[in-house]
């Protein structure tokens, strides 16, 4: 009887080996930034007091300022996307961007 119990115990313990389960890796891709809208401005060349100036209307200049802000936003979002994929490399550029975000 002891032998049967001992053998059954050995059999049970040997069958309880560790089973490794491999989980499917899920890769999350960040969204690409919203594209930049194009801007067409009519620039005027003005000669005044023997000097040449390039000018536009006030409304178009405000549109130009907004366009520049949109370009900066786009570049910053692209940098975040690149840094997302380069986290393993510990790029100083990405680390600097992280520090700037924490400070703001």
C-alpha atoms as a PDB file:
ATOM      1  CA  UNK A   1       0.000   0.000   0.000  1.00  0.00           C
ATOM      2  CA  UNK A   2       2.843   2.363   0.814  1.00  0.00           C
ATOM      3  CA  UNK A   3       4.454   1.672  -2.503  1.00  0.00           C
ATOM      4  CA  UNK A   4       1.253   2.485  -4.353  1.00  0.00           C
ATOM      5  CA  UNK A   5       0.853   5.732  -2.405  1.00  0.00           C
ATOM      6  CA  UNK A   6       4.482   6.627  -2.968  1.00  0.00           C
ATOM      7  CA  UNK A   7       4.249   5.901  -6.683  1.00  0.00           C
ATOM      8  CA  UNK A   8       0.999   7.835  -7.030  1.00  0.00           C
ATOM      9  CA  UNK A   9       2.526  10.775  -5.149  1.00  0.00           C
ATOM     10  CA  UNK A  10       5.585  10.745  -7.421  1.00  0.00           C
ATOM     11  CA  UNK A  11       3.344  10.517 -10.466  1.00  0.00           C
ATOM     12  CA  UNK A  12       1.196  13.425  -9.308  1.00  0.00           C
ATOM     13  CA  UNK A  13       4.181  15.607  -8.448  1.00  0.00           C
ATOM     14  CA  UNK A  14       5.969  14.894 -11.701  1.00  0.00           C
ATOM     15  CA  UNK A  15       2.880  15.734 -13.720  1.00  0.00           C
ATOM     16  CA  UNK A  16       2.597  19.148 -12.036  1.00  0.00           C
ATOM     17  CA  UNK A  17       5.454  20.727 -13.880  1.00  0.00           C
ATOM     18  CA  UNK A  18       5.422  24.377 -14.716  1.00  0.00           C
ATOM     19  CA  UNK A  19       3.570  25.230 -17.863  1.00  0.00           C
ATOM     20  CA  UNK A  20       4.706  28.379 -19.566  1.00  0.00           C
ATOM     21  CA  UNK A  21       2.070  30.272 -21.390  1.00  0.00           C
ATOM     22  CA  UNK A  22       3.142  32.632 -24.087  1.00  0.00           C
ATOM     23  CA  UNK A  23       0.825  35.566 -24.374  1.00  0.00           C
ATOM     24  CA  UNK A  24       0.425  37.190 -27.715  1.00  0.00           C
ATOM     25  CA  UNK A  25       2.230  40.475 -27.815  1.00  0.00           C
ATOM     26  CA  UNK A  26      -0.036  43.322 -28.667  1.00  0.00           C
ATOM     27  CA  UNK A  27       1.672  46.159 -30.462  1.00  0.00           C
ATOM     28  CA  UNK A  28       0.016  49.491 -30.008  1.00  0.00           C
ATOM     29  CA  UNK A  29       0.760  51.998 -32.728  1.00  0.00           C
ATOM     30  CA  UNK A  30       0.168  55.656 -31.963  1.00  0.00           C
ATOM     31  CA  UNK A  31      -1.979  57.626 -34.339  1.00  0.00           C
ATOM     32  CA  UNK A  32      -0.254  59.797 -36.861  1.00  0.00           C
ATOM     33  CA  UNK A  33      -0.733  63.513 -36.305  1.00  0.00           C
ATOM     34  CA  UNK A  34      -3.408  65.408 -38.123  1.00  0.00           C
ATOM     35  CA  UNK A  35      -1.911  66.660 -41.398  1.00  0.00           C
ATOM     36  CA  UNK A  36      -1.060  70.288 -41.993  1.00  0.00           C
ATOM     37  CA  UNK A  37      -3.535  72.289 -44.025  1.00  0.00           C
ATOM     38  CA  UNK A  38      -1.962  74.147 -46.908  1.00  0.00           C
ATOM     39  CA  UNK A  39      -1.916  77.919 -46.972  1.00  0.00           C
ATOM     40  CA  UNK A  40      -1.849  80.262 -49.924  1.00  0.00           C
ATOM     41  CA  UNK A  41      -0.870  83.849 -49.215  1.00  0.00           C
ATOM     42  CA  UNK A  42      -0.638  86.658 -51.716  1.00  0.00           C
ATOM     43  CA  UNK A  43       2.615  88.459 -51.022  1.00  0.00           C
ATOM     44  CA  UNK A  44       2.994  92.017 -52.310  1.00  0.00           C
ATOM     45  CA  UNK A  45       6.312  93.692 -53.080  1.00  0.00           C
ATOM     46  CA  UNK A  46       6.299  97.334 -52.027  1.00  0.00           C
ATOM     47  CA  UNK A  47       9.023  99.893 -52.680  1.00  0.00           C
ATOM     48  CA  UNK A  48       9.116 102.647 -50.092  1.00  0.00           C
ATOM     49  CA  UNK A  49      11.897 105.179 -49.516  1.00  0.00           C
ATOM     50  CA  UNK A  50      14.340 103.342 -51.758  1.00  0.00           C
ATOM     51  CA  UNK A  51      13.748 100.122 -49.789  1.00  0.00           C
ATOM     52  CA  UNK A  52      11.857  97.028 -50.895  1.00  0.00           C
ATOM     53  CA  UNK A  53       9.380  95.362 -48.551  1.00  0.00           C
ATOM     54  CA  UNK A  54       7.329  92.199 -48.855  1.00  0.00           C
ATOM     55  CA  UNK A  55       3.876  92.575 -47.358  1.00  0.00           C
ATOM     56  CA  UNK A  56       0.509  90.935 -47.049  1.00  0.00           C
ATOM     57  CA  UNK A  57      -2.825  91.822 -45.510  1.00  0.00           C
ATOM     58  CA  UNK A  58      -3.319  91.669 -41.767  1.00  0.00           C
ATOM     59  CA  UNK A  59      -5.845  88.820 -42.066  1.00  0.00           C
ATOM     60  CA  UNK A  60      -3.482  86.745 -44.199  1.00  0.00           C
ATOM     61  CA  UNK A  61      -0.681  87.414 -41.749  1.00  0.00           C
ATOM     62  CA  UNK A  62      -2.849  86.056 -38.916  1.00  0.00           C
ATOM     63  CA  UNK A  63      -3.544  82.985 -41.058  1.00  0.00           C
ATOM     64  CA  UNK A  64       0.215  82.643 -41.586  1.00  0.00           C
ATOM     65  CA  UNK A  65       0.830  82.749 -37.822  1.00  0.00           C
ATOM     66  CA  UNK A  66      -1.789  80.051 -37.304  1.00  0.00           C
ATOM     67  CA  UNK A  67      -0.171  77.986 -40.063  1.00  0.00           C
ATOM     68  CA  UNK A  68       3.213  78.243 -38.310  1.00  0.00           C
ATOM     69  CA  UNK A  69       1.655  77.053 -35.049  1.00  0.00           C
ATOM     70  CA  UNK A  70       0.143  74.119 -36.927  1.00  0.00           C
ATOM     71  CA  UNK A  71       3.562  73.216 -38.354  1.00  0.00           C
ATOM     72  CA  UNK A  72       5.099  73.292 -34.858  1.00  0.00           C
ATOM     73  CA  UNK A  73       2.287  71.086 -33.537  1.00  0.00           C
ATOM     74  CA  UNK A  74       2.798  68.608 -36.363  1.00  0.00           C
ATOM     75  CA  UNK A  75       6.554  68.388 -35.782  1.00  0.00           C
ATOM     76  CA  UNK A  76       6.108  67.908 -32.035  1.00  0.00           C
ATOM     77  CA  UNK A  77       3.580  65.130 -32.558  1.00  0.00           C
ATOM     78  CA  UNK A  78       5.838  63.408 -35.087  1.00  0.00           C
ATOM     79  CA  UNK A  79       8.706  63.598 -32.582  1.00  0.00           C
ATOM     80  CA  UNK A  80       6.507  61.940 -29.959  1.00  0.00           C
ATOM     81  CA  UNK A  81       5.640  59.182 -32.423  1.00  0.00           C
ATOM     82  CA  UNK A  82       9.300  58.577 -33.245  1.00  0.00           C
ATOM     83  CA  UNK A  83      10.264  58.590 -29.568  1.00  0.00           C
ATOM     84  CA  UNK A  84       7.514  56.055 -28.843  1.00  0.00           C
ATOM     85  CA  UNK A  85       9.262  53.548 -31.098  1.00  0.00           C
ATOM     86  CA  UNK A  86      12.763  54.425 -29.905  1.00  0.00           C
ATOM     87  CA  UNK A  87      12.227  54.042 -26.160  1.00  0.00           C
ATOM     88  CA  UNK A  88      14.644  51.115 -26.030  1.00  0.00           C
ATOM     89  CA  UNK A  89      17.461  53.262 -27.420  1.00  0.00           C
ATOM     90  CA  UNK A  90      17.316  55.966 -24.741  1.00  0.00           C
ATOM     91  CA  UNK A  91      17.916  58.728 -27.270  1.00  0.00           C
ATOM     92  CA  UNK A  92      18.939  61.978 -25.664  1.00  0.00           C
ATOM     93  CA  UNK A  93      16.504  63.831 -27.917  1.00  0.00           C
ATOM     94  CA  UNK A  94      13.598  61.817 -26.555  1.00  0.00           C
ATOM     95  CA  UNK A  95      14.839  62.138 -22.987  1.00  0.00           C
ATOM     96  CA  UNK A  96      15.101  65.915 -23.405  1.00  0.00           C
ATOM     97  CA  UNK A  97      11.545  66.045 -24.752  1.00  0.00           C
ATOM     98  CA  UNK A  98      10.311  64.034 -21.755  1.00  0.00           C
ATOM     99  CA  UNK A  99      12.024  66.442 -19.373  1.00  0.00           C
ATOM    100  CA  UNK A 100      10.470  69.443 -21.143  1.00  0.00           C
ATOM    101  CA  UNK A 101       6.987  67.915 -20.870  1.00  0.00           C
ATOM    102  CA  UNK A 102       7.434  67.199 -17.164  1.00  0.00           C
ATOM    103  CA  UNK A 103       8.552  70.761 -16.530  1.00  0.00           C
ATOM    104  CA  UNK A 104       5.542  72.237 -18.347  1.00  0.00           C
END
